[in-house]
Amino acid sequence: MREILDDIDRWHSAGKRVAVARVVDTNGSGPREPGAAMAVSEDGEVAGSVSGGCVEGAVVSEALAILRGEAESRIVTFGYSDDEAFAVGLTCGGTVHLFIQPLEW
C-alpha cells in the first residue's frame, strides 16, 4: 500500500476521486499476496498492482464503475476456472479475491 500513497496524495490534491483495490485472500497459486493494493483515479490513472498485470485491466473497469456510481464497494474474485480471468490472463492456477472501494477523503 505504501508504494501508492504518493499517487493517491497527488490525485487527492488535484481533487480527483480514487478507488482502491486490495488483495484480501488467495486460493492456490496467486500472483500477489494479501495486502497488495492498486489505486485508480477517476480518469483511469493507475498506481500499484494486485496481480502482477494479469487482471489489472478488469480491476480498473470495476474501480471506475464504482467511482461512477454504477456499482458499490465489493469483493471481486478472479480464478483460473473463470472465463473472464482466463481472458485477462490469470493463468497461475489460483484464485485472487479483491476488495474494491472508493476512498472517502
N, C-alpha and C. Protein backbone atom coordinates (compact mmCIF):
# COMPACT_ATOMS: atom_id res chain seq x y z
N MET A 1 0.82 -1.19 0.00
CA MET A 1 0.00 0.00 0.00
C MET A 1 0.87 1.26 0.00
N ARG A 2 2.01 1.20 0.65
CA ARG A 2 2.86 2.39 0.76
C ARG A 2 3.32 2.92 -0.59
N GLU A 3 3.53 2.00 -1.55
CA GLU A 3 4.03 2.44 -2.86
C GLU A 3 3.02 3.26 -3.64
N ILE A 4 1.75 3.25 -3.25
CA ILE A 4 0.74 4.02 -3.99
C ILE A 4 0.34 5.31 -3.28
N LEU A 5 0.85 5.54 -2.08
CA LEU A 5 0.43 6.71 -1.30
C LEU A 5 0.77 8.04 -1.97
N ASP A 6 1.93 8.15 -2.60
CA ASP A 6 2.29 9.41 -3.27
C ASP A 6 1.30 9.73 -4.39
N ASP A 7 0.92 8.71 -5.17
CA ASP A 7 -0.03 8.94 -6.25
C ASP A 7 -1.41 9.31 -5.69
N ILE A 8 -1.83 8.62 -4.65
CA ILE A 8 -3.12 8.93 -4.03
C ILE A 8 -3.12 10.37 -3.52
N ASP A 9 -2.03 10.76 -2.88
CA ASP A 9 -1.93 12.14 -2.37
C ASP A 9 -1.98 13.16 -3.50
N ARG A 10 -1.29 12.86 -4.60
CA ARG A 10 -1.29 13.77 -5.75
C ARG A 10 -2.69 13.89 -6.34
N TRP A 11 -3.39 12.76 -6.49
CA TRP A 11 -4.74 12.79 -7.04
C TRP A 11 -5.69 13.53 -6.09
N HIS A 12 -5.52 13.30 -4.78
CA HIS A 12 -6.36 14.00 -3.80
C HIS A 12 -6.14 15.50 -3.89
N SER A 13 -4.88 15.92 -4.00
CA SER A 13 -4.56 17.35 -4.11
C SER A 13 -5.16 17.97 -5.36
N ALA A 14 -5.32 17.16 -6.40
CA ALA A 14 -5.92 17.64 -7.65
C ALA A 14 -7.44 17.55 -7.63
N GLY A 15 -8.01 17.08 -6.52
CA GLY A 15 -9.46 17.00 -6.41
C GLY A 15 -10.09 15.81 -7.12
N LYS A 16 -9.28 14.79 -7.41
CA LYS A 16 -9.80 13.62 -8.12
C LYS A 16 -10.34 12.58 -7.14
N ARG A 17 -11.36 11.86 -7.58
CA ARG A 17 -11.88 10.73 -6.83
C ARG A 17 -11.00 9.52 -7.12
N VAL A 18 -10.89 8.63 -6.12
CA VAL A 18 -9.99 7.48 -6.22
C VAL A 18 -10.66 6.25 -5.64
N ALA A 19 -10.46 5.11 -6.29
CA ALA A 19 -10.87 3.82 -5.74
C ALA A 19 -9.61 2.99 -5.48
N VAL A 20 -9.68 2.15 -4.45
CA VAL A 20 -8.56 1.29 -4.11
C VAL A 20 -9.02 -0.16 -4.14
N ALA A 21 -8.21 -1.00 -4.76
CA ALA A 21 -8.44 -2.44 -4.78
C ALA A 21 -7.32 -3.09 -3.96
N ARG A 22 -7.72 -3.99 -3.06
CA ARG A 22 -6.74 -4.68 -2.23
C ARG A 22 -6.96 -6.19 -2.32
N VAL A 23 -5.86 -6.93 -2.39
CA VAL A 23 -5.96 -8.38 -2.31
C VAL A 23 -6.31 -8.72 -0.87
N VAL A 24 -7.44 -9.42 -0.68
CA VAL A 24 -7.84 -9.80 0.67
C VAL A 24 -7.65 -11.29 0.92
N ASP A 25 -7.52 -12.08 -0.15
CA ASP A 25 -7.31 -13.51 0.02
C ASP A 25 -6.90 -14.12 -1.31
N THR A 26 -6.22 -15.24 -1.24
CA THR A 26 -5.89 -16.02 -2.44
C THR A 26 -6.14 -17.49 -2.12
N ASN A 27 -6.44 -18.25 -3.14
CA ASN A 27 -6.54 -19.71 -3.03
C ASN A 27 -5.62 -20.29 -4.08
N GLY A 28 -4.79 -21.22 -3.69
CA GLY A 28 -3.84 -21.78 -4.64
C GLY A 28 -2.74 -20.77 -4.93
N SER A 29 -2.18 -20.89 -6.10
CA SER A 29 -1.10 -20.00 -6.52
C SER A 29 -1.67 -18.64 -6.91
N GLY A 30 -1.15 -17.58 -6.31
CA GLY A 30 -1.60 -16.23 -6.65
C GLY A 30 -0.43 -15.35 -6.99
N PRO A 31 -0.64 -14.39 -7.87
CA PRO A 31 0.46 -13.52 -8.29
C PRO A 31 0.92 -12.54 -7.22
N ARG A 32 0.02 -12.12 -6.33
CA ARG A 32 0.38 -11.17 -5.26
C ARG A 32 -0.24 -11.66 -3.95
N GLU A 33 0.39 -11.33 -2.85
CA GLU A 33 -0.07 -11.74 -1.53
C GLU A 33 -1.16 -10.80 -1.01
N PRO A 34 -1.98 -11.26 -0.06
CA PRO A 34 -2.95 -10.36 0.57
C PRO A 34 -2.26 -9.11 1.09
N GLY A 35 -2.92 -7.99 0.89
CA GLY A 35 -2.36 -6.70 1.27
C GLY A 35 -1.88 -5.90 0.08
N ALA A 36 -1.58 -6.58 -1.03
CA ALA A 36 -1.18 -5.85 -2.24
C ALA A 36 -2.31 -4.93 -2.66
N ALA A 37 -1.98 -3.75 -3.13
CA ALA A 37 -3.00 -2.76 -3.43
C ALA A 37 -2.74 -2.04 -4.75
N MET A 38 -3.83 -1.56 -5.31
CA MET A 38 -3.79 -0.78 -6.54
C MET A 38 -4.81 0.35 -6.39
N ALA A 39 -4.44 1.54 -6.80
CA ALA A 39 -5.35 2.68 -6.77
C ALA A 39 -5.66 3.10 -8.21
N VAL A 40 -6.90 3.55 -8.41
CA VAL A 40 -7.34 4.01 -9.73
C VAL A 40 -8.00 5.37 -9.55
N SER A 41 -7.51 6.36 -10.29
CA SER A 41 -8.13 7.69 -10.23
C SER A 41 -9.35 7.71 -11.16
N GLU A 42 -10.20 8.70 -10.97
CA GLU A 42 -11.43 8.79 -11.77
C GLU A 42 -11.16 8.94 -13.26
N ASP A 43 -9.95 9.38 -13.63
CA ASP A 43 -9.64 9.49 -15.06
C ASP A 43 -8.81 8.32 -15.56
N GLY A 44 -8.75 7.24 -14.76
CA GLY A 44 -8.13 6.00 -15.22
C GLY A 44 -6.65 5.84 -14.96
N GLU A 45 -6.03 6.77 -14.25
CA GLU A 45 -4.62 6.58 -13.89
C GLU A 45 -4.53 5.46 -12.86
N VAL A 46 -3.46 4.69 -12.92
CA VAL A 46 -3.30 3.52 -12.05
C VAL A 46 -1.98 3.60 -11.31
N ALA A 47 -2.01 3.20 -10.04
CA ALA A 47 -0.79 3.07 -9.24
C ALA A 47 -0.85 1.74 -8.50
N GLY A 48 0.25 1.02 -8.46
CA GLY A 48 0.31 -0.24 -7.75
C GLY A 48 -0.15 -1.41 -8.61
N SER A 49 -0.24 -2.58 -7.98
CA SER A 49 -0.61 -3.79 -8.69
C SER A 49 -1.23 -4.79 -7.72
N VAL A 50 -2.26 -5.49 -8.20
CA VAL A 50 -2.88 -6.54 -7.39
C VAL A 50 -2.67 -7.92 -7.99
N SER A 51 -2.10 -7.97 -9.19
CA SER A 51 -1.95 -9.28 -9.83
C SER A 51 -0.72 -9.39 -10.70
N GLY A 52 0.19 -8.47 -10.60
CA GLY A 52 1.35 -8.54 -11.46
C GLY A 52 1.02 -8.31 -12.92
N GLY A 53 -0.15 -7.73 -13.19
CA GLY A 53 -0.52 -7.36 -14.54
C GLY A 53 -1.60 -8.21 -15.18
N CYS A 54 -1.90 -9.40 -14.61
CA CYS A 54 -2.79 -10.30 -15.34
C CYS A 54 -4.28 -9.96 -15.23
N VAL A 55 -4.73 -9.26 -14.21
CA VAL A 55 -6.15 -8.88 -14.16
C VAL A 55 -6.34 -7.37 -13.96
N GLU A 56 -5.27 -6.62 -14.05
CA GLU A 56 -5.34 -5.20 -13.78
C GLU A 56 -6.40 -4.48 -14.63
N GLY A 57 -6.51 -4.80 -15.91
CA GLY A 57 -7.48 -4.14 -16.77
C GLY A 57 -8.90 -4.34 -16.28
N ALA A 58 -9.22 -5.55 -15.86
CA ALA A 58 -10.56 -5.83 -15.33
C ALA A 58 -10.78 -5.10 -14.02
N VAL A 59 -9.75 -4.99 -13.19
CA VAL A 59 -9.87 -4.28 -11.91
C VAL A 59 -10.10 -2.80 -12.15
N VAL A 60 -9.41 -2.22 -13.12
CA VAL A 60 -9.62 -0.81 -13.46
C VAL A 60 -11.08 -0.58 -13.87
N SER A 61 -11.61 -1.46 -14.69
CA SER A 61 -13.01 -1.34 -15.10
C SER A 61 -13.95 -1.39 -13.91
N GLU A 62 -13.71 -2.31 -13.00
CA GLU A 62 -14.54 -2.43 -11.78
C GLU A 62 -14.42 -1.16 -10.93
N ALA A 63 -13.20 -0.67 -10.74
CA ALA A 63 -12.98 0.53 -9.92
C ALA A 63 -13.67 1.75 -10.53
N LEU A 64 -13.57 1.90 -11.84
CA LEU A 64 -14.21 3.05 -12.49
C LEU A 64 -15.73 2.96 -12.39
N ALA A 65 -16.28 1.76 -12.47
CA ALA A 65 -17.73 1.59 -12.31
C ALA A 65 -18.16 2.02 -10.91
N ILE A 66 -17.36 1.70 -9.92
CA ILE A 66 -17.67 2.12 -8.54
C ILE A 66 -17.59 3.64 -8.43
N LEU A 67 -16.57 4.24 -9.01
CA LEU A 67 -16.44 5.70 -8.94
C LEU A 67 -17.56 6.41 -9.68
N ARG A 68 -18.10 5.80 -10.73
CA ARG A 68 -19.22 6.40 -11.47
C ARG A 68 -20.57 6.15 -10.79
N GLY A 69 -20.56 5.37 -9.72
CA GLY A 69 -21.80 5.07 -9.02
C GLY A 69 -22.60 3.94 -9.65
N GLU A 70 -22.01 3.22 -10.58
CA GLU A 70 -22.68 2.11 -11.25
C GLU A 70 -22.60 0.82 -10.44
N ALA A 71 -21.75 0.79 -9.44
CA ALA A 71 -21.58 -0.39 -8.58
C ALA A 71 -21.16 0.10 -7.20
N GLU A 72 -21.33 -0.77 -6.21
CA GLU A 72 -20.94 -0.45 -4.84
C GLU A 72 -19.65 -1.16 -4.49
N SER A 73 -19.04 -0.74 -3.39
CA SER A 73 -17.85 -1.42 -2.89
C SER A 73 -18.17 -2.90 -2.77
N ARG A 74 -17.20 -3.73 -3.15
CA ARG A 74 -17.48 -5.16 -3.10
C ARG A 74 -16.21 -5.98 -3.25
N ILE A 75 -16.38 -7.28 -2.97
CA ILE A 75 -15.30 -8.24 -3.21
C ILE A 75 -15.50 -8.80 -4.61
N VAL A 76 -14.43 -8.80 -5.38
CA VAL A 76 -14.43 -9.35 -6.74
C VAL A 76 -13.43 -10.50 -6.75
N THR A 77 -13.80 -11.59 -7.39
CA THR A 77 -12.96 -12.78 -7.42
C THR A 77 -12.59 -13.12 -8.86
N PHE A 78 -11.32 -13.40 -9.06
CA PHE A 78 -10.83 -13.89 -10.35
C PHE A 78 -10.12 -15.21 -10.09
N GLY A 79 -10.46 -16.22 -10.87
CA GLY A 79 -9.83 -17.52 -10.69
C GLY A 79 -9.53 -18.16 -12.02
N TYR A 80 -8.67 -19.15 -11.98
CA TYR A 80 -8.23 -19.81 -13.20
C TYR A 80 -9.39 -20.41 -13.98
N SER A 81 -10.41 -20.89 -13.27
CA SER A 81 -11.53 -21.52 -13.97
C SER A 81 -12.54 -20.51 -14.51
N ASP A 82 -12.44 -19.26 -14.11
CA ASP A 82 -13.36 -18.24 -14.60
C ASP A 82 -12.99 -17.85 -16.02
N ASP A 83 -13.97 -17.83 -16.93
CA ASP A 83 -13.70 -17.44 -18.31
C ASP A 83 -13.06 -16.05 -18.38
N GLU A 84 -13.58 -15.12 -17.57
CA GLU A 84 -13.05 -13.76 -17.59
C GLU A 84 -11.60 -13.74 -17.12
N ALA A 85 -11.29 -14.47 -16.06
CA ALA A 85 -9.91 -14.49 -15.55
C ALA A 85 -8.97 -15.05 -16.60
N PHE A 86 -9.38 -16.13 -17.28
CA PHE A 86 -8.53 -16.69 -18.34
C PHE A 86 -8.35 -15.68 -19.46
N ALA A 87 -9.45 -14.97 -19.80
CA ALA A 87 -9.38 -13.99 -20.89
C ALA A 87 -8.42 -12.86 -20.57
N VAL A 88 -8.34 -12.46 -19.27
CA VAL A 88 -7.44 -11.36 -18.92
C VAL A 88 -6.06 -11.86 -18.52
N GLY A 89 -5.85 -13.18 -18.51
CA GLY A 89 -4.51 -13.70 -18.32
C GLY A 89 -4.17 -14.27 -16.96
N LEU A 90 -5.15 -14.53 -16.10
CA LEU A 90 -4.85 -15.10 -14.79
C LEU A 90 -4.70 -16.62 -14.95
N THR A 91 -3.53 -17.03 -15.40
CA THR A 91 -3.30 -18.44 -15.70
C THR A 91 -2.38 -19.08 -14.67
N CYS A 92 -2.25 -18.47 -13.50
CA CYS A 92 -1.35 -19.01 -12.47
C CYS A 92 -1.95 -20.20 -11.76
N GLY A 93 -3.22 -20.51 -12.02
CA GLY A 93 -3.84 -21.68 -11.42
C GLY A 93 -4.54 -21.40 -10.11
N GLY A 94 -4.49 -20.20 -9.61
CA GLY A 94 -5.11 -19.87 -8.34
C GLY A 94 -6.29 -18.94 -8.49
N THR A 95 -6.78 -18.49 -7.35
CA THR A 95 -7.89 -17.55 -7.30
C THR A 95 -7.46 -16.37 -6.44
N VAL A 96 -7.80 -15.16 -6.87
CA VAL A 96 -7.48 -13.96 -6.11
C VAL A 96 -8.79 -13.25 -5.78
N HIS A 97 -8.94 -12.83 -4.52
CA HIS A 97 -10.12 -12.12 -4.05
C HIS A 97 -9.69 -10.68 -3.73
N LEU A 98 -10.37 -9.72 -4.35
CA LEU A 98 -10.04 -8.30 -4.18
C LEU A 98 -11.21 -7.56 -3.58
N PHE A 99 -10.93 -6.64 -2.67
CA PHE A 99 -11.97 -5.73 -2.18
C PHE A 99 -11.71 -4.39 -2.84
N ILE A 100 -12.72 -3.88 -3.52
CA ILE A 100 -12.60 -2.60 -4.24
C ILE A 100 -13.55 -1.61 -3.62
N GLN A 101 -13.05 -0.42 -3.28
CA GLN A 101 -13.88 0.60 -2.65
C GLN A 101 -13.37 1.99 -3.01
N PRO A 102 -14.27 2.97 -3.02
CA PRO A 102 -13.81 4.34 -3.23
C PRO A 102 -13.18 4.87 -1.94
N LEU A 103 -12.20 5.75 -2.08
CA LEU A 103 -11.64 6.42 -0.91
C LEU A 103 -12.54 7.59 -0.55
N GLU A 104 -12.76 7.74 0.72
CA GLU A 104 -13.51 8.89 1.23
C GLU A 104 -12.49 9.83 1.86
N TRP A 105 -12.44 11.07 1.37
CA TRP A 105 -11.43 11.99 1.86
C TRP A 105 -11.81 12.51 3.22
